[in-house]
């Protein structure tokens, strides 16, 4: 199979970014970060199965219209069997959590991609998400403008605490695996390791509160970001053996005191620090 894969919207903080939500006890979660995590793993898995895959993500178009048109232009530059647009949904407005999972849905332009879409919904629902089903949508720009058959996946809701907690539990790699198995209509055995969005492979930093604890920098130079993710601006730099006061860890990024980024903190990756 030949396919175009892209994450929706501009990169976080670079123009027409996707939805964001602040979840109590977790912190900020951003569509434009999570959809790129899933997208990268989908591409990796497809290539492992010897499929030709093109990344058609656009990071800094500046506006929603430009982002969509540039994505479609990238997609239509390739002769492929399928276009896949990866998103996270919003509109649930349940940041506190009501115990009700919102779930996954997949959009198609017509019946050509319905079987693939149904398999993806079914696979993601096996992870614990509600199956909201397949929906035919004629007016979505990517679905109607790409020359190859297309699907648009809404993995789960970014503003539903129940969805976010489940997504953090299963991890982006399991989400991507469910998508790829739906695309290829086959099982991929032993293609993912333990959930690296929950625990770093090189440091045992779990998601949670580290207030009052300290860590030492192990990298020669470590960038301090405005928020979690390499898409955010660098607001400071640390040197090897610098000691920092920790705050809250999520998805391999921990907030530290002494900076004026999001929520009055700085953010560094846990791969480059050791807990004291």
Protein backbone atom coordinates (compact mmCIF):
# COMPACT_ATOMS: atom_id res chain seq x y z
CA UNK A 1 0.00 0.00 0.00
CA UNK A 2 1.04 3.58 -0.68
CA UNK A 3 -0.36 6.20 1.67
CA UNK A 4 -0.20 9.85 2.68
CA UNK A 5 -0.31 10.41 6.44
CA UNK A 6 -0.58 13.78 8.10
CA UNK A 7 -1.37 15.32 11.48
CA UNK A 8 -4.00 18.03 11.42
CA UNK A 9 -3.40 21.75 12.03
CA UNK A 10 -0.17 23.71 12.42
CA UNK A 11 2.35 22.65 15.05
CA UNK A 12 1.57 23.82 18.59
CA UNK A 13 2.29 27.52 18.94
CA UNK A 14 2.91 28.02 15.21
CA UNK A 15 -0.21 29.55 13.76
CA UNK A 16 -3.42 27.58 13.31
CA UNK A 17 -2.79 25.00 16.02
CA UNK A 18 -5.43 22.49 17.06
CA UNK A 19 -7.51 22.34 20.20
CA UNK A 20 -5.97 22.54 23.67
CA UNK A 21 -7.41 21.86 27.09
CA UNK A 22 -6.25 22.10 30.69
CA UNK A 23 -7.14 18.91 32.56
CA UNK A 24 -7.05 19.04 36.36
CA UNK A 25 -4.34 16.77 37.73
CA UNK A 26 -2.77 16.32 34.30
CA UNK A 27 -2.11 19.78 32.93
CA UNK A 28 -2.27 21.03 29.38
CA UNK A 29 -2.89 18.60 26.53
CA UNK A 30 -2.61 19.84 22.96
CA UNK A 31 -4.06 18.28 19.83
CA UNK A 32 -1.17 19.53 17.68
CA UNK A 33 1.32 17.67 19.87
CA UNK A 34 -0.58 14.43 20.36
CA UNK A 35 -1.68 14.06 16.72
CA UNK A 36 1.98 14.34 15.67
CA UNK A 37 2.99 11.67 18.18
CA UNK A 38 0.38 9.32 16.74
CA UNK A 39 1.23 10.29 13.15
CA UNK A 40 4.94 9.58 13.56
CA UNK A 41 4.26 6.15 15.03
CA UNK A 42 1.72 5.31 12.30
CA UNK A 43 4.33 6.13 9.67
CA UNK A 44 6.98 4.10 11.47
CA UNK A 45 4.74 1.04 11.71
CA UNK A 46 3.61 1.26 8.09
CA UNK A 47 7.21 1.48 6.92
CA UNK A 48 8.13 -1.50 9.07
CA UNK A 49 5.51 -3.43 7.10
CA UNK A 50 7.20 -2.32 3.85
CA UNK A 51 4.52 0.19 2.86
CA UNK A 52 5.43 3.36 0.98
CA UNK A 53 4.38 6.28 3.16
CA UNK A 54 4.57 10.07 2.75
CA UNK A 55 4.36 12.54 5.62
CA UNK A 56 2.17 15.42 4.43
CA UNK A 57 1.98 17.31 7.72
CA UNK A 58 2.21 21.12 7.54
CA UNK A 59 3.62 22.85 10.63
CA UNK A 60 3.45 26.60 10.06
CA UNK A 61 0.96 27.66 7.39
CA UNK A 62 -0.34 30.43 9.63
CA UNK A 63 -4.09 30.09 9.03
CA UNK A 64 -6.53 27.22 8.92
CA UNK A 65 -7.30 27.73 5.22
CA UNK A 66 -3.62 27.79 4.29
CA UNK A 67 -2.90 24.76 6.42
CA UNK A 68 -5.63 22.75 4.71
CA UNK A 69 -4.68 23.80 1.19
CA UNK A 70 -0.99 23.08 1.77
CA UNK A 71 -1.76 19.65 3.21
CA UNK A 72 -3.92 18.78 0.20
CA UNK A 73 -1.22 20.01 -2.18
CA UNK A 74 1.33 17.75 -0.49
CA UNK A 75 -1.06 14.80 -0.62
CA UNK A 76 -1.97 15.29 -4.27
CA UNK A 77 1.70 15.37 -5.26
CA UNK A 78 1.82 11.61 -4.65
CA UNK A 79 0.00 8.74 -6.31
CA UNK A 80 -1.27 6.75 -3.34
CA UNK A 81 -4.03 4.38 -2.31
CA UNK A 82 -5.14 6.24 0.79
CA UNK A 83 -4.90 9.63 2.54
CA UNK A 84 -5.05 9.57 6.34
CA UNK A 85 -5.67 12.70 8.43
CA UNK A 86 -5.06 12.30 12.17
CA UNK A 87 -6.82 14.56 14.69
CA UNK A 88 -8.04 14.71 18.27
CA UNK A 89 -11.63 15.82 18.81
CA UNK A 90 -12.99 18.65 20.98
CA UNK A 91 -16.34 20.08 22.01
CA UNK A 92 -17.02 17.75 24.91
CA UNK A 93 -16.10 20.45 27.49
CA UNK A 94 -15.66 17.91 30.27
CA UNK A 95 -12.30 18.87 31.78
CA UNK A 96 -13.39 17.65 35.23
CA UNK A 97 -14.52 14.20 34.10
CA UNK A 98 -18.01 12.76 34.45
CA UNK A 99 -17.09 9.07 34.22
CA UNK A 100 -18.41 8.87 30.67
CA UNK A 101 -15.91 8.18 27.89
CA UNK A 102 -16.47 10.28 24.73
CA UNK A 103 -14.59 8.10 22.25
CA UNK A 104 -13.36 7.72 18.67
CA UNK A 105 -14.95 8.49 15.32
CA UNK A 106 -13.72 8.38 11.73
CA UNK A 107 -14.97 10.50 8.81
CA UNK A 108 -15.11 9.41 5.17
CA UNK A 109 -16.08 11.21 2.00
CA UNK A 110 -18.00 8.19 0.66
CA UNK A 111 -18.31 4.42 1.01
CA UNK A 112 -14.88 3.69 -0.56
CA UNK A 113 -13.05 3.95 2.74
CA UNK A 114 -15.86 2.85 5.05
CA UNK A 115 -14.43 -0.63 5.71
CA UNK A 116 -11.04 0.80 6.74
CA UNK A 117 -12.73 3.43 8.89
CA UNK A 118 -14.90 0.83 10.64
CA UNK A 119 -11.87 -1.33 11.40
CA UNK A 120 -10.03 1.65 12.89
CA UNK A 121 -13.00 2.59 15.09
CA UNK A 122 -13.33 -1.02 16.24
CA UNK A 123 -9.61 -1.32 17.02
CA UNK A 124 -9.44 1.93 18.99
CA UNK A 125 -12.58 1.00 20.90
CA UNK A 126 -10.80 -2.20 22.01
CA UNK A 127 -8.42 0.08 23.90
CA UNK A 128 -11.39 1.21 25.98
CA UNK A 129 -12.72 4.20 24.01
CA UNK A 130 -16.38 4.41 23.05
CA UNK A 131 -17.00 3.72 19.37
CA UNK A 132 -18.83 6.75 17.95
CA UNK A 133 -18.74 5.13 14.53
CA UNK A 134 -18.05 6.07 10.93
CA UNK A 135 -19.59 9.23 9.48
CA UNK A 136 -19.86 10.33 5.86
CA UNK A 137 -18.85 13.97 5.51
CA UNK A 138 -18.91 15.67 2.11
CA UNK A 139 -17.85 19.16 3.20
CA UNK A 140 -14.54 18.46 4.96
CA UNK A 141 -11.84 20.05 2.82
CA UNK A 142 -9.27 17.27 3.09
CA UNK A 143 -11.82 14.57 2.32
CA UNK A 144 -13.23 16.26 -0.77
CA UNK A 145 -10.06 17.78 -2.22
CA UNK A 146 -7.56 14.90 -2.06
CA UNK A 147 -7.44 12.86 -5.24
CA UNK A 148 -7.00 9.57 -3.39
CA UNK A 149 -9.68 8.16 -1.08
CA UNK A 150 -9.32 9.69 2.36
CA UNK A 151 -10.24 9.23 6.00
CA UNK A 152 -10.10 11.67 8.92
CA UNK A 153 -9.56 10.05 12.32
CA UNK A 154 -10.67 11.75 15.54
CA UNK A 155 -8.71 9.57 17.99
CA UNK A 156 -10.52 10.77 21.11
CA UNK A 157 -11.58 14.02 22.80
CA UNK A 158 -8.87 16.40 23.95
CA UNK A 159 -11.28 18.20 26.30
CA UNK A 160 -12.77 15.15 28.00
CA UNK A 161 -10.89 14.11 31.15
CA UNK A 162 -12.09 10.52 30.88
CA UNK A 163 -10.75 10.23 27.34
CA UNK A 164 -7.47 11.94 28.23
CA UNK A 165 -6.85 9.69 31.24
CA UNK A 166 -7.46 6.61 29.09
CA UNK A 167 -5.26 7.96 26.29
CA UNK A 168 -2.44 8.64 28.75
CA UNK A 169 -2.85 5.12 30.10
CA UNK A 170 -2.71 3.28 26.76
CA UNK A 171 -0.26 5.68 25.08
CA UNK A 172 0.12 7.06 21.57
CA UNK A 173 1.90 3.92 20.36
CA UNK A 174 -1.10 1.71 21.09
CA UNK A 175 -3.35 4.27 19.39
CA UNK A 176 -1.13 4.24 16.29
CA UNK A 177 -0.98 0.45 16.24
CA UNK A 178 -4.78 0.26 16.29
CA UNK A 179 -4.92 2.63 13.33
CA UNK A 180 -2.30 0.76 11.29
CA UNK A 181 -3.95 -2.60 11.94
CA UNK A 182 -7.18 -1.08 10.64
CA UNK A 183 -5.50 0.29 7.53
CA UNK A 184 -3.70 -2.94 6.67
CA UNK A 185 -6.44 -5.27 7.97
CA UNK A 186 -3.90 -7.40 9.79
CA UNK A 187 -2.50 -7.84 13.28
CA UNK A 188 0.93 -6.45 14.11
CA UNK A 189 2.54 -8.59 16.77
CA UNK A 190 5.24 -7.26 19.09
CA UNK A 191 5.45 -3.91 17.33
CA UNK A 192 5.28 -1.73 20.43
CA UNK A 193 7.03 -1.81 23.77
CA UNK A 194 5.61 -0.65 27.08
CA UNK A 195 3.84 2.72 27.16
CA UNK A 196 6.62 5.29 26.72
CA UNK A 197 4.17 8.16 27.15
CA UNK A 198 3.71 7.03 30.75
CA UNK A 199 7.28 6.15 31.76
CA UNK A 200 10.47 7.31 30.03
CA UNK A 201 12.64 4.51 28.66
CA UNK A 202 15.82 5.94 30.20
CA UNK A 203 14.41 7.50 33.38
CA UNK A 204 11.69 6.14 35.62
CA UNK A 205 9.80 9.43 35.75
CA UNK A 206 6.11 8.61 36.02
CA UNK A 207 3.31 11.08 35.42
CA UNK A 208 2.62 12.87 38.69
CA UNK A 209 3.55 15.51 41.23
CA UNK A 210 7.27 15.98 42.02
CA UNK A 211 6.89 19.16 44.06
CA UNK A 212 9.68 19.45 46.63
CA UNK A 213 11.99 17.08 44.74
CA UNK A 214 15.15 17.97 42.83
CA UNK A 215 17.02 16.62 39.81
CA UNK A 216 20.48 17.03 38.28
CA UNK A 217 21.01 17.82 34.59
CA UNK A 218 22.94 15.08 32.75
CA UNK A 219 23.15 16.70 29.30
CA UNK A 220 25.89 19.18 28.40
CA UNK A 221 23.18 21.71 27.51
CA UNK A 222 19.47 21.29 28.23
CA UNK A 223 16.84 23.60 26.74
CA UNK A 224 14.10 24.92 28.98
CA UNK A 225 10.82 25.28 27.03
CA UNK A 226 7.76 27.49 27.49
CA UNK A 227 5.60 24.36 27.76
CA UNK A 228 5.84 20.60 27.23
CA UNK A 229 7.16 19.74 23.75
CA UNK A 230 9.93 20.73 21.36
CA UNK A 231 7.49 22.89 19.40
CA UNK A 232 7.53 25.49 22.19
CA UNK A 233 9.98 28.38 22.46
CA UNK A 234 13.23 28.00 24.38
CA UNK A 235 13.13 30.32 27.41
CA UNK A 236 16.38 29.21 29.07
CA UNK A 237 19.29 26.79 29.05
CA UNK A 238 20.74 24.57 31.75
CA UNK A 239 24.26 23.15 32.00
CA UNK A 240 25.45 19.72 33.03
CA UNK A 241 25.21 19.15 36.81
CA UNK A 242 22.83 22.07 37.33
CA UNK A 243 20.24 21.19 39.99
CA UNK A 244 16.60 22.10 39.40
CA UNK A 245 13.48 22.09 41.57
CA UNK A 246 10.75 19.94 40.07
CA UNK A 247 7.01 20.48 39.87
CA UNK A 248 4.82 18.15 37.77
CA UNK A 249 5.74 15.44 35.24
CA UNK A 250 3.61 14.49 32.26
CA UNK A 251 4.51 12.47 29.15
CA UNK A 252 8.25 12.71 29.74
CA UNK A 253 8.24 16.47 30.40
CA UNK A 254 8.61 17.92 33.89
CA UNK A 255 7.94 21.50 34.95
CA UNK A 256 10.63 23.31 36.96
CA UNK A 257 10.70 26.42 39.09
CA UNK A 258 12.53 29.65 38.31
CA UNK A 259 11.14 30.40 34.83
CA UNK A 260 8.22 32.35 33.41
CA UNK A 261 6.76 29.97 30.87
CA UNK A 262 3.27 28.51 30.92
CA UNK A 263 1.81 28.65 34.45
CA UNK A 264 4.96 30.52 35.58
CA UNK A 265 7.25 27.52 35.13
CA UNK A 266 9.82 26.10 32.73
CA UNK A 267 9.66 22.66 31.07
CA UNK A 268 12.48 20.14 30.44
CA UNK A 269 12.59 16.57 29.17
CA UNK A 270 13.23 13.84 31.74
CA UNK A 271 15.63 11.96 29.44
CA UNK A 272 18.29 14.52 30.37
CA UNK A 273 17.96 14.68 34.16
CA UNK A 274 18.40 12.29 37.08
CA UNK A 275 16.34 12.39 40.23
CA UNK A 276 18.20 13.27 43.43
